[in-house]
């Protein structure tokens, strides 16, 4: 069996390669960890908004609809001028 490495292999070259690989993996892990943390925070914010929306609906005990970003009750909708289609 023939040896494919030229000896002596410089230990510093191997050490530098391992250090750069370690730094790369550490940086990649930290970036992914930050992305996952931000994604979880976004989903928590979204679920909190949904929960507040549901609580608002149950407080009023009447039918509501969201029009142009504003919660409007059934009475308000019916009191607005409506377009007639024939």
Protein backbone atom coordinates (compact mmCIF):
# COMPACT_ATOMS: atom_id res chain seq x y z
CA UNK A 1 0.00 0.00 0.00
CA UNK A 2 1.42 3.30 -1.05
CA UNK A 3 1.34 6.27 1.26
CA UNK A 4 -0.44 9.20 -0.43
CA UNK A 5 0.72 11.85 2.06
CA UNK A 6 4.12 13.36 1.81
CA UNK A 7 5.68 13.08 5.21
CA UNK A 8 6.27 14.87 7.40
CA UNK A 9 2.78 16.38 7.30
CA UNK A 10 2.95 19.79 8.84
CA UNK A 11 0.91 19.82 11.98
CA UNK A 12 0.34 23.55 11.68
CA UNK A 13 -1.43 23.12 8.32
CA UNK A 14 -3.78 20.51 9.78
CA UNK A 15 -4.34 22.64 12.86
CA UNK A 16 -5.16 25.73 10.76
CA UNK A 17 -7.57 23.72 8.62
CA UNK A 18 -9.37 22.37 11.66
CA UNK A 19 -9.56 25.84 13.21
CA UNK A 20 -11.05 27.37 10.06
CA UNK A 21 -13.57 24.49 9.80
CA UNK A 22 -14.50 24.98 13.45
CA UNK A 23 -14.99 28.74 12.95
CA UNK A 24 -17.13 28.16 9.86
CA UNK A 25 -19.38 25.64 11.63
CA UNK A 26 -19.69 27.87 14.70
CA UNK A 27 -20.67 30.90 12.58
CA UNK A 28 -23.19 28.87 10.57
CA UNK A 29 -24.73 27.49 13.76
CA UNK A 30 -25.05 30.97 15.30
CA UNK A 31 -26.68 32.35 12.13
CA UNK A 32 -29.21 29.51 12.02
CA UNK A 33 -29.90 29.89 15.74
CA UNK A 34 -30.63 33.61 15.28
CA UNK A 35 -32.91 32.88 12.32
CA UNK A 36 -34.86 30.27 14.27
CA UNK A 37 -35.18 32.62 17.25
CA UNK A 38 -36.50 35.43 15.03
CA UNK A 39 -38.95 33.06 13.34
CA UNK A 40 -40.29 31.86 16.68
CA UNK A 41 -40.67 35.45 17.89
CA UNK A 42 -42.62 36.32 14.73
CA UNK A 43 -44.94 33.35 15.18
CA UNK A 44 -45.51 34.27 18.82
CA UNK A 45 -46.41 37.83 17.78
CA UNK A 46 -48.76 36.50 15.12
CA UNK A 47 -50.49 34.11 17.52
CA UNK A 48 -50.78 36.89 20.11
CA UNK A 49 -52.46 39.15 17.53
CA UNK A 50 -54.86 36.36 16.64
CA UNK A 51 -55.70 35.79 20.30
CA UNK A 52 -56.36 39.51 20.84
CA UNK A 53 -58.58 39.50 17.76
CA UNK A 54 -60.60 36.58 19.15
CA UNK A 55 -60.91 38.25 22.57
CA UNK A 56 -62.17 41.44 20.94
CA UNK A 57 -64.81 39.46 19.08
CA UNK A 58 -66.04 37.74 22.24
CA UNK A 59 -66.17 41.01 24.22
CA UNK A 60 -68.67 42.63 21.93
CA UNK A 61 -70.98 39.59 21.67
CA UNK A 62 -72.08 40.72 18.26
CA UNK A 63 -71.07 39.95 14.73
CA UNK A 64 -68.01 41.92 13.65
CA UNK A 65 -66.00 42.12 10.46
CA UNK A 66 -62.63 43.62 9.73
CA UNK A 67 -62.94 46.36 7.10
CA UNK A 68 -59.81 48.23 6.03
CA UNK A 69 -57.99 47.15 9.20
CA UNK A 70 -60.77 48.24 11.57
CA UNK A 71 -63.23 46.06 13.47
CA UNK A 72 -66.75 47.10 12.46
CA UNK A 73 -69.92 45.83 14.13
CA UNK A 74 -72.93 44.50 12.29
CA UNK A 75 -74.94 47.62 13.17
CA UNK A 76 -72.27 49.92 11.75
CA UNK A 77 -72.05 47.92 8.53
CA UNK A 78 -75.82 48.00 8.04
CA UNK A 79 -75.98 51.74 8.72
CA UNK A 80 -73.46 52.56 6.00
CA UNK A 81 -74.65 53.46 2.51
CA UNK A 82 -74.68 50.42 0.26
CA UNK A 83 -74.39 50.01 -3.45
CA UNK A 84 -77.46 48.72 -5.21
CA UNK A 85 -77.05 46.18 -7.97
CA UNK A 86 -79.93 45.45 -10.28
